[in-house]
Amino acid sequence: MISDEAPISRFDDRARRVVRLARQQAEDRRGEAIAPAHVLLALLAVRRGLAARVVAGLAGSCARAEDAIAEILPPGQRPSPSHIPFTAAAEEVMVRAAQQARRWGDDHVGTEHLLLGLLAATDNAAVARLGAVGVDYDTATAEIGRLRAAG
């Protein structure tokens, strides 16, 4: 369950869609829990979200980033449980996303905040894979600022 520090009620429509799609990503891959890599793939699936636009711009395309992430998510051996929980690392992403929203002075948590929440985890395989295709916390922060300033 997502902690009280990152209430889903603060998530905008696209961020809520990311949460639903992350669950679907885990189910499709027969995962036992929703990991940060599932959240990242879900972010990339919401193409109109700011996060996907940032990753596409920095990595060259969302598909390039998706391919890099998919490599670290082998399919599970058995069907997913009926209730797929978030891993502790994925819950931490949600908490960091809420912190990012506050840092930017936003009342809501959007896809860009989720992306920055993911990228702030330096010890995560999904983040390392993104770094390999040119997306890291500093470059994403700069690109988000540029796109937000441009409207």
N, C-alpha and C. Protein backbone atom coordinates (compact mmCIF):
# COMPACT_ATOMS: atom_id res chain seq x y z
N MET A 1 0.83 -1.19 0.00
CA MET A 1 0.00 0.00 0.00
C MET A 1 0.87 1.24 0.00
N ILE A 2 0.47 2.25 -0.72
CA ILE A 2 1.24 3.49 -0.77
C ILE A 2 1.09 4.20 0.57
N SER A 3 2.20 4.69 1.08
CA SER A 3 2.21 5.27 2.42
C SER A 3 1.45 6.59 2.48
N ASP A 4 1.17 7.02 3.72
CA ASP A 4 0.48 8.29 3.93
C ASP A 4 1.31 9.48 3.46
N GLU A 5 2.62 9.29 3.33
CA GLU A 5 3.48 10.38 2.89
C GLU A 5 3.29 10.68 1.40
N ALA A 6 2.72 9.75 0.66
CA ALA A 6 2.49 9.93 -0.78
C ALA A 6 1.06 9.52 -1.10
N PRO A 7 0.08 10.25 -0.57
CA PRO A 7 -1.31 9.84 -0.80
C PRO A 7 -1.69 9.93 -2.28
N ILE A 8 -2.35 8.89 -2.73
CA ILE A 8 -2.77 8.82 -4.13
C ILE A 8 -3.72 9.97 -4.47
N SER A 9 -4.36 10.53 -3.46
CA SER A 9 -5.28 11.64 -3.70
C SER A 9 -4.55 12.86 -4.26
N ARG A 10 -3.26 12.95 -4.06
CA ARG A 10 -2.48 14.06 -4.60
C ARG A 10 -1.99 13.79 -6.02
N PHE A 11 -2.17 12.57 -6.52
CA PHE A 11 -1.72 12.22 -7.86
C PHE A 11 -2.70 12.77 -8.88
N ASP A 12 -2.17 13.36 -9.95
CA ASP A 12 -3.05 13.81 -11.02
C ASP A 12 -3.51 12.59 -11.83
N ASP A 13 -4.38 12.81 -12.80
CA ASP A 13 -4.96 11.69 -13.56
C ASP A 13 -3.90 10.83 -14.24
N ARG A 14 -2.89 11.46 -14.82
CA ARG A 14 -1.85 10.68 -15.50
C ARG A 14 -1.02 9.87 -14.51
N ALA A 15 -0.73 10.45 -13.37
CA ALA A 15 0.04 9.72 -12.35
C ALA A 15 -0.77 8.54 -11.81
N ARG A 16 -2.07 8.72 -11.64
CA ARG A 16 -2.91 7.60 -11.21
C ARG A 16 -2.94 6.51 -12.28
N ARG A 17 -2.95 6.93 -13.52
CA ARG A 17 -2.91 5.96 -14.61
C ARG A 17 -1.60 5.18 -14.57
N VAL A 18 -0.51 5.86 -14.24
CA VAL A 18 0.78 5.18 -14.12
C VAL A 18 0.72 4.09 -13.06
N VAL A 19 0.08 4.38 -11.93
CA VAL A 19 -0.03 3.38 -10.87
C VAL A 19 -0.81 2.16 -11.36
N ARG A 20 -1.91 2.41 -12.08
CA ARG A 20 -2.69 1.29 -12.62
C ARG A 20 -1.88 0.49 -13.65
N LEU A 21 -1.17 1.21 -14.51
CA LEU A 21 -0.37 0.54 -15.55
C LEU A 21 0.82 -0.21 -14.94
N ALA A 22 1.38 0.30 -13.86
CA ALA A 22 2.49 -0.40 -13.19
C ALA A 22 2.00 -1.75 -12.67
N ARG A 23 0.80 -1.76 -12.11
CA ARG A 23 0.20 -3.01 -11.64
C ARG A 23 0.02 -3.96 -12.82
N GLN A 24 -0.45 -3.43 -13.94
CA GLN A 24 -0.63 -4.25 -15.14
C GLN A 24 0.70 -4.77 -15.67
N GLN A 25 1.72 -3.93 -15.63
CA GLN A 25 3.06 -4.37 -16.07
C GLN A 25 3.52 -5.56 -15.23
N ALA A 26 3.32 -5.47 -13.91
CA ALA A 26 3.72 -6.56 -13.02
C ALA A 26 2.91 -7.82 -13.32
N GLU A 27 1.61 -7.67 -13.51
CA GLU A 27 0.76 -8.82 -13.84
C GLU A 27 1.19 -9.46 -15.15
N ASP A 28 1.41 -8.63 -16.17
CA ASP A 28 1.79 -9.15 -17.49
C ASP A 28 3.10 -9.93 -17.45
N ARG A 29 3.98 -9.55 -16.53
CA ARG A 29 5.28 -10.20 -16.41
C ARG A 29 5.30 -11.26 -15.30
N ARG A 30 4.09 -11.54 -14.78
CA ARG A 30 3.93 -12.55 -13.74
C ARG A 30 4.76 -12.23 -12.50
N GLY A 31 4.81 -10.93 -12.18
CA GLY A 31 5.57 -10.50 -11.01
C GLY A 31 4.80 -10.71 -9.72
N GLU A 32 5.55 -10.85 -8.64
CA GLU A 32 4.93 -11.02 -7.34
C GLU A 32 4.70 -9.68 -6.64
N ALA A 33 5.35 -8.62 -7.15
CA ALA A 33 5.21 -7.29 -6.57
C ALA A 33 5.50 -6.26 -7.65
N ILE A 34 5.04 -5.04 -7.41
CA ILE A 34 5.27 -3.93 -8.33
C ILE A 34 6.59 -3.28 -7.95
N ALA A 35 7.55 -3.37 -8.84
CA ALA A 35 8.90 -2.85 -8.61
C ALA A 35 9.07 -1.50 -9.32
N PRO A 36 10.13 -0.76 -8.99
CA PRO A 36 10.38 0.50 -9.69
C PRO A 36 10.45 0.35 -11.21
N ALA A 37 10.96 -0.77 -11.70
CA ALA A 37 11.01 -0.96 -13.16
C ALA A 37 9.62 -1.01 -13.76
N HIS A 38 8.65 -1.59 -13.05
CA HIS A 38 7.26 -1.60 -13.54
C HIS A 38 6.70 -0.18 -13.59
N VAL A 39 7.02 0.61 -12.57
CA VAL A 39 6.57 2.01 -12.54
C VAL A 39 7.18 2.77 -13.71
N LEU A 40 8.44 2.52 -13.96
CA LEU A 40 9.11 3.20 -15.07
C LEU A 40 8.50 2.84 -16.41
N LEU A 41 8.24 1.56 -16.63
CA LEU A 41 7.60 1.16 -17.89
C LEU A 41 6.22 1.79 -18.01
N ALA A 42 5.51 1.88 -16.91
CA ALA A 42 4.19 2.52 -16.93
C ALA A 42 4.31 4.00 -17.26
N LEU A 43 5.31 4.67 -16.71
CA LEU A 43 5.54 6.09 -17.03
C LEU A 43 5.77 6.27 -18.53
N LEU A 44 6.52 5.37 -19.11
CA LEU A 44 6.82 5.48 -20.54
C LEU A 44 5.59 5.18 -21.39
N ALA A 45 4.67 4.39 -20.86
CA ALA A 45 3.44 4.06 -21.60
C ALA A 45 2.47 5.22 -21.65
N VAL A 46 2.59 6.16 -20.74
CA VAL A 46 1.72 7.34 -20.73
C VAL A 46 2.43 8.41 -21.56
N ARG A 47 2.37 8.23 -22.86
CA ARG A 47 3.15 9.03 -23.80
C ARG A 47 2.91 10.54 -23.72
N ARG A 48 1.70 10.94 -23.32
CA ARG A 48 1.41 12.38 -23.25
C ARG A 48 1.86 12.99 -21.93
N GLY A 49 2.34 12.15 -21.02
CA GLY A 49 2.84 12.65 -19.75
C GLY A 49 4.20 13.32 -19.93
N LEU A 50 4.49 14.24 -19.05
CA LEU A 50 5.76 14.96 -19.14
C LEU A 50 6.94 14.02 -18.98
N ALA A 51 6.82 13.01 -18.13
CA ALA A 51 7.93 12.07 -17.92
C ALA A 51 8.30 11.36 -19.22
N ALA A 52 7.33 10.85 -19.95
CA ALA A 52 7.61 10.15 -21.20
C ALA A 52 8.23 11.09 -22.22
N ARG A 53 7.76 12.32 -22.26
CA ARG A 53 8.34 13.29 -23.20
C ARG A 53 9.79 13.60 -22.84
N VAL A 54 10.08 13.70 -21.55
CA VAL A 54 11.45 13.96 -21.11
C VAL A 54 12.35 12.78 -21.47
N VAL A 55 11.92 11.58 -21.16
CA VAL A 55 12.73 10.39 -21.46
C VAL A 55 12.94 10.26 -22.96
N ALA A 56 11.89 10.46 -23.74
CA ALA A 56 12.02 10.35 -25.20
C ALA A 56 13.03 11.37 -25.72
N GLY A 57 12.99 12.57 -25.18
CA GLY A 57 13.92 13.60 -25.63
C GLY A 57 15.36 13.29 -25.25
N LEU A 58 15.57 12.78 -24.07
CA LEU A 58 16.93 12.51 -23.60
C LEU A 58 17.49 11.20 -24.13
N ALA A 59 16.65 10.18 -24.23
CA ALA A 59 17.12 8.85 -24.67
C ALA A 59 17.04 8.67 -26.18
N GLY A 60 16.33 9.56 -26.85
CA GLY A 60 16.13 9.42 -28.29
C GLY A 60 14.76 8.87 -28.63
N SER A 61 14.21 8.05 -27.74
CA SER A 61 12.86 7.53 -27.90
C SER A 61 12.46 6.79 -26.63
N CYS A 62 11.17 6.68 -26.41
CA CYS A 62 10.68 5.87 -25.29
C CYS A 62 11.00 4.41 -25.52
N ALA A 63 10.93 3.97 -26.77
CA ALA A 63 11.20 2.57 -27.10
C ALA A 63 12.61 2.16 -26.69
N ARG A 64 13.56 3.04 -26.88
CA ARG A 64 14.95 2.74 -26.48
C ARG A 64 15.03 2.51 -24.97
N ALA A 65 14.37 3.38 -24.22
CA ALA A 65 14.36 3.23 -22.76
C ALA A 65 13.58 1.98 -22.34
N GLU A 66 12.45 1.72 -22.99
CA GLU A 66 11.65 0.53 -22.67
C GLU A 66 12.46 -0.75 -22.89
N ASP A 67 13.19 -0.81 -23.99
CA ASP A 67 14.00 -1.99 -24.28
C ASP A 67 15.06 -2.20 -23.20
N ALA A 68 15.67 -1.12 -22.77
CA ALA A 68 16.70 -1.22 -21.73
C ALA A 68 16.11 -1.72 -20.41
N ILE A 69 14.92 -1.25 -20.07
CA ILE A 69 14.28 -1.65 -18.81
C ILE A 69 13.76 -3.09 -18.91
N ALA A 70 13.17 -3.44 -20.02
CA ALA A 70 12.59 -4.78 -20.18
C ALA A 70 13.63 -5.88 -19.99
N GLU A 71 14.88 -5.58 -20.30
CA GLU A 71 15.95 -6.57 -20.15
C GLU A 71 16.14 -7.02 -18.70
N ILE A 72 15.80 -6.16 -17.74
CA ILE A 72 16.02 -6.51 -16.33
C ILE A 72 14.75 -7.06 -15.68
N LEU A 73 13.70 -7.27 -16.46
CA LEU A 73 12.45 -7.80 -15.94
C LEU A 73 12.07 -9.12 -16.60
N PRO A 74 12.76 -10.18 -16.24
CA PRO A 74 12.36 -11.46 -16.83
C PRO A 74 11.00 -11.87 -16.30
N PRO A 75 10.25 -12.64 -17.08
CA PRO A 75 8.92 -13.06 -16.61
C PRO A 75 9.04 -13.99 -15.40
N GLY A 76 8.05 -13.88 -14.52
CA GLY A 76 8.00 -14.75 -13.35
C GLY A 76 7.64 -16.17 -13.74
N GLN A 77 7.79 -17.07 -12.78
CA GLN A 77 7.55 -18.48 -13.04
C GLN A 77 6.10 -18.90 -12.80
N ARG A 78 5.34 -18.08 -12.08
CA ARG A 78 3.95 -18.43 -11.79
C ARG A 78 3.09 -17.18 -11.90
N PRO A 79 1.79 -17.36 -12.01
CA PRO A 79 0.91 -16.19 -12.12
C PRO A 79 1.04 -15.26 -10.91
N SER A 80 0.79 -13.99 -11.16
CA SER A 80 0.84 -12.99 -10.09
C SER A 80 -0.27 -13.25 -9.08
N PRO A 81 -0.04 -12.86 -7.83
CA PRO A 81 -1.13 -12.99 -6.85
C PRO A 81 -2.28 -12.06 -7.20
N SER A 82 -3.44 -12.29 -6.62
CA SER A 82 -4.60 -11.46 -6.94
C SER A 82 -4.40 -10.01 -6.49
N HIS A 83 -3.67 -9.83 -5.41
CA HIS A 83 -3.31 -8.47 -4.98
C HIS A 83 -1.80 -8.35 -5.08
N ILE A 84 -1.35 -7.48 -5.96
CA ILE A 84 0.09 -7.30 -6.16
C ILE A 84 0.52 -6.08 -5.35
N PRO A 85 1.34 -6.28 -4.33
CA PRO A 85 1.79 -5.15 -3.52
C PRO A 85 2.94 -4.40 -4.20
N PHE A 86 3.20 -3.21 -3.73
CA PHE A 86 4.38 -2.46 -4.14
C PHE A 86 5.56 -2.97 -3.33
N THR A 87 6.72 -3.06 -3.96
CA THR A 87 7.93 -3.35 -3.19
C THR A 87 8.24 -2.13 -2.35
N ALA A 88 9.10 -2.31 -1.35
CA ALA A 88 9.51 -1.17 -0.52
C ALA A 88 10.17 -0.10 -1.39
N ALA A 89 10.95 -0.53 -2.38
CA ALA A 89 11.61 0.43 -3.27
C ALA A 89 10.60 1.22 -4.10
N ALA A 90 9.54 0.56 -4.56
CA ALA A 90 8.51 1.26 -5.35
C ALA A 90 7.72 2.23 -4.46
N GLU A 91 7.44 1.82 -3.23
CA GLU A 91 6.77 2.74 -2.31
C GLU A 91 7.64 3.96 -2.05
N GLU A 92 8.94 3.74 -1.93
CA GLU A 92 9.86 4.86 -1.71
C GLU A 92 9.83 5.82 -2.90
N VAL A 93 9.67 5.27 -4.10
CA VAL A 93 9.54 6.12 -5.30
C VAL A 93 8.34 7.06 -5.14
N MET A 94 7.23 6.53 -4.66
CA MET A 94 6.02 7.35 -4.48
C MET A 94 6.24 8.44 -3.43
N VAL A 95 6.94 8.11 -2.37
CA VAL A 95 7.25 9.10 -1.33
C VAL A 95 8.15 10.19 -1.91
N ARG A 96 9.19 9.76 -2.63
CA ARG A 96 10.09 10.75 -3.23
C ARG A 96 9.38 11.60 -4.28
N ALA A 97 8.42 11.01 -4.99
CA ALA A 97 7.65 11.78 -5.98
C ALA A 97 6.87 12.89 -5.28
N ALA A 98 6.25 12.59 -4.15
CA ALA A 98 5.53 13.62 -3.39
C ALA A 98 6.50 14.69 -2.91
N GLN A 99 7.69 14.29 -2.50
CA GLN A 99 8.70 15.27 -2.09
C GLN A 99 9.12 16.14 -3.26
N GLN A 100 9.25 15.55 -4.43
CA GLN A 100 9.60 16.32 -5.63
C GLN A 100 8.51 17.33 -5.96
N ALA A 101 7.26 16.92 -5.84
CA ALA A 101 6.15 17.85 -6.11
C ALA A 101 6.24 19.05 -5.17
N ARG A 102 6.50 18.79 -3.90
CA ARG A 102 6.64 19.90 -2.93
C ARG A 102 7.84 20.77 -3.30
N ARG A 103 8.93 20.15 -3.70
CA ARG A 103 10.14 20.90 -4.08
C ARG A 103 9.86 21.84 -5.25
N TRP A 104 9.03 21.38 -6.19
CA TRP A 104 8.70 22.19 -7.36
C TRP A 104 7.56 23.18 -7.06
N GLY A 105 6.98 23.08 -5.87
CA GLY A 105 5.89 23.97 -5.50
C GLY A 105 4.56 23.57 -6.11
N ASP A 106 4.39 22.29 -6.44
CA ASP A 106 3.17 21.81 -7.07
C ASP A 106 2.23 21.20 -6.03
N ASP A 107 0.93 21.39 -6.24
CA ASP A 107 -0.09 20.81 -5.36
C ASP A 107 -0.40 19.36 -5.69
N HIS A 108 0.02 18.91 -6.84
CA HIS A 108 -0.28 17.55 -7.29
C HIS A 108 1.02 16.81 -7.57
N VAL A 109 0.92 15.50 -7.68
CA VAL A 109 2.04 14.66 -8.11
C VAL A 109 1.75 14.25 -9.54
N GLY A 110 2.64 14.63 -10.44
CA GLY A 110 2.49 14.30 -11.85
C GLY A 110 3.52 13.29 -12.29
N THR A 111 3.48 12.94 -13.55
CA THR A 111 4.42 11.94 -14.06
C THR A 111 5.86 12.41 -13.93
N GLU A 112 6.08 13.71 -14.08
CA GLU A 112 7.45 14.23 -13.95
C GLU A 112 7.99 14.02 -12.54
N HIS A 113 7.12 14.14 -11.54
CA HIS A 113 7.55 13.92 -10.16
C HIS A 113 7.86 12.45 -9.93
N LEU A 114 7.05 11.57 -10.52
CA LEU A 114 7.32 10.14 -10.41
C LEU A 114 8.66 9.79 -11.06
N LEU A 115 8.94 10.38 -12.21
CA LEU A 115 10.21 10.14 -12.87
C LEU A 115 11.37 10.58 -11.98
N LEU A 116 11.27 11.77 -11.43
CA LEU A 116 12.35 12.25 -10.56
C LEU A 116 12.45 11.42 -9.29
N GLY A 117 11.31 10.95 -8.78
CA GLY A 117 11.34 10.06 -7.63
C GLY A 117 12.08 8.77 -7.93
N LEU A 118 11.90 8.26 -9.14
CA LEU A 118 12.63 7.07 -9.58
C LEU A 118 14.12 7.36 -9.73
N LEU A 119 14.42 8.44 -10.40
CA LEU A 119 15.82 8.75 -10.71
C LEU A 119 16.63 9.11 -9.47
N ALA A 120 15.97 9.50 -8.40
CA ALA A 120 16.67 9.84 -7.17
C ALA A 120 17.24 8.60 -6.47
N ALA A 121 16.79 7.42 -6.87
CA ALA A 121 17.29 6.17 -6.30
C ALA A 121 18.53 5.75 -7.09
N THR A 122 19.67 5.94 -6.51
CA THR A 122 20.91 5.67 -7.24
C THR A 122 21.31 4.19 -7.22
N ASP A 123 20.65 3.39 -6.38
CA ASP A 123 21.03 1.99 -6.25
C ASP A 123 20.01 1.05 -6.90
N ASN A 124 19.34 1.53 -7.93
CA ASN A 124 18.28 0.77 -8.56
C ASN A 124 18.69 0.37 -9.98
N ALA A 125 18.45 -0.89 -10.35
CA ALA A 125 18.83 -1.37 -11.67
C ALA A 125 18.11 -0.63 -12.79
N ALA A 126 16.84 -0.30 -12.60
CA ALA A 126 16.08 0.43 -13.63
C ALA A 126 16.68 1.81 -13.86
N VAL A 127 17.09 2.45 -12.79
CA VAL A 127 17.70 3.79 -12.89
C VAL A 127 19.04 3.68 -13.62
N ALA A 128 19.79 2.64 -13.30
CA ALA A 128 21.07 2.44 -13.99
C ALA A 128 20.86 2.23 -15.48
N ARG A 129 19.83 1.48 -15.84
CA ARG A 129 19.53 1.25 -17.26
C ARG A 129 19.16 2.55 -17.96
N LEU A 130 18.39 3.41 -17.25
CA LEU A 130 18.05 4.71 -17.84
C LEU A 130 19.31 5.55 -18.03
N GLY A 131 20.19 5.52 -17.04
CA GLY A 131 21.44 6.27 -17.16
C GLY A 131 22.24 5.84 -18.38
N ALA A 132 22.18 4.56 -18.69
CA ALA A 132 22.91 4.04 -19.85
C ALA A 132 22.37 4.58 -21.17
N VAL A 133 21.11 5.03 -21.18
CA VAL A 133 20.54 5.60 -22.41
C VAL A 133 20.45 7.13 -22.33
N GLY A 134 21.14 7.72 -21.35
CA GLY A 134 21.24 9.18 -21.30
C GLY A 134 20.26 9.90 -20.41
N VAL A 135 19.59 9.17 -19.53
CA VAL A 135 18.61 9.81 -18.65
C VAL A 135 19.06 9.64 -17.21
N ASP A 136 19.39 10.76 -16.57
CA ASP A 136 19.73 10.71 -15.15
C ASP A 136 18.99 11.84 -14.44
N TYR A 137 19.12 11.88 -13.14
CA TYR A 137 18.37 12.85 -12.33
C TYR A 137 18.63 14.29 -12.78
N ASP A 138 19.90 14.65 -12.94
CA ASP A 138 20.24 16.03 -13.28
C ASP A 138 19.74 16.43 -14.67
N THR A 139 19.94 15.57 -15.66
CA THR A 139 19.49 15.93 -17.01
C THR A 139 17.96 15.96 -17.08
N ALA A 140 17.31 15.04 -16.38
CA ALA A 140 15.84 15.03 -16.38
C ALA A 140 15.29 16.27 -15.67
N THR A 141 15.91 16.65 -14.56
CA THR A 141 15.48 17.85 -13.84
C THR A 141 15.59 19.08 -14.75
N ALA A 142 16.71 19.20 -15.45
CA ALA A 142 16.91 20.33 -16.35
C ALA A 142 15.89 20.32 -17.48
N GLU A 143 15.64 19.15 -18.04
CA GLU A 143 14.69 19.05 -19.16
C GLU A 143 13.26 19.34 -18.70
N ILE A 144 12.91 18.87 -17.52
CA ILE A 144 11.57 19.17 -16.98
C ILE A 144 11.43 20.67 -16.79
N GLY A 145 12.44 21.29 -16.23
CA GLY A 145 12.40 22.75 -16.06
C GLY A 145 12.26 23.48 -17.37
N ARG A 146 13.00 23.03 -18.39
CA ARG A 146 12.92 23.66 -19.71
C ARG A 146 11.54 23.50 -20.32
N LEU A 147 10.98 22.29 -20.27
CA LEU A 147 9.66 22.05 -20.86
C LEU A 147 8.56 22.78 -20.10
N ARG A 148 8.69 22.84 -18.79
CA ARG A 148 7.67 23.56 -18.00
C ARG A 148 7.74 25.06 -18.30
N ALA A 149 8.93 25.59 -18.47
CA ALA A 149 9.07 27.02 -18.77
C ALA A 149 8.51 27.35 -20.16
N ALA A 150 8.65 26.37 -21.08
CA ALA A 150 8.16 26.57 -22.44
C ALA A 150 6.63 26.43 -22.52
N GLY A 151 6.03 25.90 -21.46
CA GLY A 151 4.57 25.76 -21.42
C GLY A 151 4.13 24.48 -21.99
